[in-house]
Amino acid sequence: MALTNKTPENQVQSLFNRIANNYDSMNNLISLGTHKHWRNATMEIMAIKPGSFVLDVCCGTGDWTISLAKAVGPSGHVTGLDFSENMLSIARQKISEAGLQDRVTLVHGDAMSLPYQDNKFDVATIGFGLRNVPDANQVLREMQRVLRPGGQLACLETSKPTQPVIKMGWKAYFNFVPVMTKLAVHNKRDYDYLQKTTAEFVSAKKLAQMFKDAGLTHVNYRTFDLGAAALHLGWKPYRTSVL
C-alpha cells in the first residue's frame, strides 16, 4: 500500500473524535469562511440531478451531506460515511434539525474499504477528507468501484498555490494556523497535524492523474482563491461490449 498519509489511521480517527465539537467553528476560523463558498460553487458546477443516489465519503459533521440531500430532493438519497463516531453524532443532529432524516443515511465505516456493492451510486463525493486517509489512491479506486457507469466522482480538497508570491503568503498564513488554534481552543497539536496534511498532500495536477489512474475519465479540476482549494471531477466510463 502506497501511503499518502503516514500518520496511523487509528491516531487520525482519535484526533477527529477529539476535535469534533470544535470542528465547524475552527473550519470557519481557519478558512475565514471561504470553505462554504467553495462548497456552494462545487454544488453549482456538479449540478446534481433530483432523484440521484449519492455517497458522501468522509462526511464529517455533515455540511456537504446536507447540501447534497437538498439537491437530490425527496426522490433521491444520500449516504454519509465517516470513521469518526463523534463527527457522525454532530452530523446526525444537524440533519435532524434540517428535517432531512428521510433523505440521509449515516454510516460508521472505512473509506479504504467501502461496504457497498459495485455500481451502486450515481455520484460519490469526498470533501476535505482525502488527505487524511492512509492511501488516497485506494480510496479513489473504491469510490470509482461503487459508482454506476457514467457516475460522477467529486473531490473538494485544500490545495497549494503555485504562483511564487501567493505561495509565500499561503505558507506564512498556514504556519500561523496552529498558533491561532491554540489561542482559540487550546489544542495546537491536533491542528499541527491538519496543517501538515494540507502542506504535504499532492498537488492539484498530481491528484488529477490519480483520478485517471483510478479508472476515471474526462478528469478536470478547477482551483479556488488562487489555489487554496481545488475541485476535481471525474466520471466512471460506460462499459462497452466487445463484438
Protein backbone atom coordinates (compact mmCIF):
# COMPACT_ATOMS: atom_id res chain seq x y z
CA MET A 1 0.00 0.00 0.00
CA ALA A 2 1.43 3.37 -1.06
CA LEU A 3 0.70 5.67 1.86
CA THR A 4 -0.24 9.25 1.08
CA ASN A 5 -0.74 9.96 4.81
CA LYS A 6 1.81 8.24 7.04
CA THR A 7 0.04 9.02 10.33
CA PRO A 8 -1.52 5.74 11.59
CA GLU A 9 -5.23 5.57 10.85
CA ASN A 10 -6.22 4.92 14.47
CA GLN A 11 -4.42 8.10 15.50
CA VAL A 12 -6.22 10.13 12.85
CA GLN A 13 -9.54 8.63 13.95
CA SER A 14 -8.85 9.55 17.58
CA LEU A 15 -7.90 13.08 16.52
CA PHE A 16 -11.18 13.67 14.71
CA ASN A 17 -13.13 12.28 17.64
CA ARG A 18 -11.31 14.77 19.89
CA ILE A 19 -11.86 17.83 17.70
CA ALA A 20 -15.44 17.03 16.62
CA ASN A 21 -17.10 19.58 18.91
CA ASN A 22 -14.88 22.41 17.63
CA TYR A 23 -14.55 21.24 14.03
CA ASP A 24 -17.14 23.52 12.42
CA SER A 25 -16.14 26.67 14.29
CA MET A 26 -12.44 26.08 13.63
CA ASN A 27 -13.10 25.43 9.93
CA ASN A 28 -14.80 28.81 9.76
CA LEU A 29 -11.91 30.47 11.56
CA ILE A 30 -9.07 28.81 9.63
CA SER A 31 -10.61 29.24 6.17
CA LEU A 32 -12.10 32.64 7.04
CA GLY A 33 -15.44 31.18 5.99
CA THR A 34 -14.34 30.51 2.42
CA HIS A 35 -14.97 26.74 2.68
CA LYS A 36 -18.69 27.50 2.42
CA HIS A 37 -18.13 29.40 -0.82
CA TRP A 38 -16.05 26.50 -2.20
CA ARG A 39 -18.80 24.01 -1.39
CA ASN A 40 -21.57 26.20 -2.84
CA ALA A 41 -19.58 26.73 -6.04
CA THR A 42 -18.95 22.99 -6.23
CA MET A 43 -22.66 22.21 -5.97
CA GLU A 44 -23.38 24.60 -8.86
CA ILE A 45 -20.68 23.03 -11.02
CA MET A 46 -21.82 19.48 -10.27
CA ALA A 47 -25.49 20.21 -10.99
CA ILE A 48 -26.73 17.08 -9.20
CA LYS A 49 -30.00 15.76 -10.60
CA PRO A 50 -33.06 15.25 -8.38
CA GLY A 51 -33.55 11.57 -7.63
CA SER A 52 -29.81 10.78 -7.57
CA PHE A 53 -28.30 8.33 -5.12
CA VAL A 54 -25.15 9.84 -3.63
CA LEU A 55 -22.33 8.58 -1.40
CA ASP A 56 -20.57 11.27 0.65
CA VAL A 57 -17.28 9.74 1.86
CA CYS A 58 -15.56 11.23 4.93
CA CYS A 59 -18.77 13.19 5.52
CA GLY A 60 -17.61 14.59 8.87
CA THR A 61 -20.19 16.82 10.53
CA GLY A 62 -22.46 16.62 7.51
CA ASP A 63 -22.39 20.04 5.84
CA TRP A 64 -21.86 18.70 2.32
CA THR A 65 -24.18 15.77 3.07
CA ILE A 66 -26.97 18.25 3.83
CA SER A 67 -26.32 20.24 0.64
CA LEU A 68 -26.42 17.02 -1.36
CA ALA A 69 -29.64 15.89 0.32
CA LYS A 70 -31.33 19.15 -0.59
CA ALA A 71 -30.16 18.77 -4.19
CA VAL A 72 -31.38 15.18 -4.70
CA GLY A 73 -34.86 16.00 -3.42
CA PRO A 74 -37.36 13.63 -1.83
CA SER A 75 -36.92 11.01 -4.57
CA GLY A 76 -33.15 10.75 -4.06
CA HIS A 77 -30.98 9.60 -1.17
CA VAL A 78 -27.59 10.44 0.32
CA THR A 79 -25.40 8.07 2.32
CA GLY A 80 -22.80 9.78 4.50
CA LEU A 81 -19.86 7.65 5.66
CA ASP A 82 -17.20 8.55 8.21
CA PHE A 83 -14.86 6.73 10.60
CA SER A 84 -15.45 9.17 13.49
CA GLU A 85 -18.48 8.41 15.65
CA ASN A 86 -18.27 11.84 17.26
CA MET A 87 -18.35 13.62 13.89
CA LEU A 88 -21.30 11.47 12.82
CA SER A 89 -23.14 12.34 16.03
CA ILE A 90 -22.94 16.04 15.17
CA ALA A 91 -23.94 15.31 11.56
CA ARG A 92 -26.97 13.36 12.79
CA GLN A 93 -28.14 16.32 14.88
CA LYS A 94 -27.68 18.81 12.02
CA ILE A 95 -29.55 16.57 9.58
CA SER A 96 -32.40 16.23 12.06
CA GLU A 97 -32.57 20.00 12.53
CA ALA A 98 -32.71 20.40 8.74
CA GLY A 99 -35.60 17.90 8.57
CA LEU A 100 -33.72 15.67 6.13
CA GLN A 101 -33.70 12.38 8.06
CA ASP A 102 -35.69 10.61 5.33
CA ARG A 103 -33.13 11.51 2.67
CA VAL A 104 -29.92 10.67 4.55
CA THR A 105 -28.37 7.53 5.99
CA LEU A 106 -25.24 7.94 8.12
CA VAL A 107 -22.79 5.05 8.32
CA HIS A 108 -19.76 4.45 10.53
CA GLY A 109 -17.31 2.97 8.05
CA ASP A 110 -13.88 2.91 6.43
CA ALA A 111 -13.24 4.90 3.24
CA MET A 112 -10.46 2.46 2.36
CA SER A 113 -12.94 -0.42 2.08
CA LEU A 114 -16.42 0.86 1.27
CA PRO A 115 -19.16 -1.53 2.45
CA TYR A 116 -21.12 -1.34 -0.80
CA GLN A 117 -21.52 -3.42 -3.93
CA ASP A 118 -20.17 -2.33 -7.29
CA ASN A 119 -22.13 0.15 -9.42
CA LYS A 120 -24.46 1.35 -6.64
CA PHE A 121 -24.31 5.18 -6.63
CA ASP A 122 -24.89 7.91 -9.22
CA VAL A 123 -22.47 10.32 -7.53
CA ALA A 124 -19.66 9.94 -4.99
CA THR A 125 -18.14 12.90 -3.15
CA ILE A 126 -15.34 13.47 -0.66
CA GLY A 127 -14.76 16.86 0.93
CA PHE A 128 -11.58 17.75 2.83
CA GLY A 129 -11.04 14.09 3.69
CA LEU A 130 -8.81 12.61 1.00
CA ARG A 131 -5.62 13.99 2.54
CA ASN A 132 -6.46 12.28 5.86
CA VAL A 133 -6.87 8.70 4.62
CA PRO A 134 -3.89 6.31 4.62
CA ASP A 135 -3.91 5.76 0.85
CA ALA A 136 -5.77 8.27 -1.33
CA ASN A 137 -5.29 6.07 -4.39
CA GLN A 138 -7.11 3.20 -2.71
CA VAL A 139 -9.99 5.45 -1.66
CA LEU A 140 -10.37 6.79 -5.21
CA ARG A 141 -10.42 3.23 -6.55
CA GLU A 142 -13.09 2.28 -4.02
CA MET A 143 -15.21 5.32 -4.88
CA GLN A 144 -14.87 4.52 -8.59
CA ARG A 145 -15.88 0.92 -7.91
CA VAL A 146 -19.18 1.81 -6.23
CA LEU A 147 -20.16 4.32 -8.91
CA ARG A 148 -22.54 3.30 -11.64
CA PRO A 149 -21.18 3.55 -15.20
CA GLY A 150 -21.45 7.20 -16.16
CA GLY A 151 -21.42 8.22 -12.48
CA GLN A 152 -19.54 11.26 -11.25
CA LEU A 153 -16.83 11.48 -8.58
CA ALA A 154 -16.12 14.86 -6.97
CA CYS A 155 -13.32 15.73 -4.57
CA LEU A 156 -13.11 19.11 -2.85
CA GLU A 157 -9.81 19.48 -1.02
CA THR A 158 -7.39 22.06 0.27
CA SER A 159 -4.55 22.69 -2.17
CA LYS A 160 -1.39 24.71 -2.60
CA PRO A 161 -0.96 27.86 -4.71
CA THR A 162 1.72 27.56 -7.39
CA GLN A 163 2.39 31.25 -8.06
CA PRO A 164 5.55 32.07 -6.00
CA VAL A 165 4.37 35.25 -4.25
CA ILE A 166 0.93 33.80 -3.44
CA LYS A 167 2.60 30.58 -2.26
CA MET A 168 4.78 32.53 0.18
CA GLY A 169 1.74 34.24 1.67
CA TRP A 170 -0.14 30.92 1.87
CA LYS A 171 2.76 29.29 3.73
CA ALA A 172 3.03 32.20 6.15
CA TYR A 173 -0.69 32.01 6.93
CA PHE A 174 -0.69 28.25 7.48
CA ASN A 175 2.34 28.49 9.72
CA PHE A 176 0.23 30.80 11.88
CA VAL A 177 -2.78 28.45 11.99
CA PRO A 178 -1.55 26.25 14.90
CA VAL A 179 -0.88 29.36 17.00
CA MET A 180 -4.37 30.66 16.21
CA THR A 181 -5.97 27.35 17.16
CA LYS A 182 -4.01 27.18 20.40
CA LEU A 183 -5.44 30.55 21.38
CA ALA A 184 -8.97 29.59 20.28
CA VAL A 185 -9.34 26.01 21.55
CA HIS A 186 -6.04 25.27 23.36
CA ASN A 187 -5.34 22.38 21.00
CA LYS A 188 -2.22 23.18 18.99
CA ARG A 189 -1.02 19.59 18.50
CA ASP A 190 -4.10 18.33 16.64
CA TYR A 191 -4.17 21.35 14.34
CA ASP A 192 -0.44 20.97 13.74
CA TYR A 193 -1.40 17.66 12.12
CA LEU A 194 -4.14 19.22 9.97
CA GLN A 195 -1.76 21.94 8.80
CA LYS A 196 0.85 19.29 7.98
CA THR A 197 -1.53 17.19 5.88
CA THR A 198 -2.54 20.27 3.90
CA ALA A 199 1.07 21.20 3.22
CA GLU A 200 2.18 17.66 2.34
CA PHE A 201 -0.75 16.49 0.20
CA VAL A 202 -0.30 16.09 -3.53
CA SER A 203 -0.65 18.96 -5.97
CA ALA A 204 -3.86 19.53 -7.90
CA LYS A 205 -2.13 18.32 -11.08
CA LYS A 206 -0.96 15.13 -9.38
CA LEU A 207 -4.41 14.47 -7.95
CA ALA A 208 -5.90 14.73 -11.45
CA GLN A 209 -3.50 11.99 -12.56
CA MET A 210 -4.55 9.88 -9.56
CA PHE A 211 -8.17 10.21 -10.71
CA LYS A 212 -7.15 8.83 -14.11
CA ASP A 213 -5.11 6.04 -12.53
CA ALA A 214 -8.22 5.05 -10.55
CA GLY A 215 -10.06 4.46 -13.83
CA LEU A 216 -11.95 7.75 -14.13
CA THR A 217 -12.32 9.58 -17.41
CA HIS A 218 -12.88 13.18 -18.56
CA VAL A 219 -10.99 14.29 -15.46
CA ASN A 220 -10.80 18.02 -14.87
CA TYR A 221 -10.22 20.37 -11.99
CA ARG A 222 -10.51 23.99 -11.02
CA THR A 223 -8.97 25.90 -8.14
CA PHE A 224 -10.49 28.42 -5.76
CA ASP A 225 -8.98 31.51 -4.15
CA LEU A 226 -5.66 31.48 -6.00
CA GLY A 227 -5.13 27.77 -5.39
CA ALA A 228 -6.11 27.47 -1.70
CA ALA A 229 -8.58 24.71 -2.62
CA ALA A 230 -9.27 22.53 -5.64
CA LEU A 231 -12.30 20.73 -7.01
CA HIS A 232 -11.57 17.59 -9.04
CA LEU A 233 -14.23 15.87 -11.14
CA GLY A 234 -14.12 12.55 -12.96
CA TRP A 235 -16.58 10.09 -14.46
CA LYS A 236 -16.77 6.31 -14.41
CA PRO A 237 -16.69 5.14 -18.02
CA TYR A 238 -19.55 3.24 -19.60
CA ARG A 239 -18.66 -0.32 -20.34
CA THR A 240 -18.90 -1.27 -24.00
CA SER A 241 -19.32 -4.81 -25.24
CA VAL A 242 -16.67 -6.32 -27.43
CA LEU A 243 -18.03 -7.67 -30.72
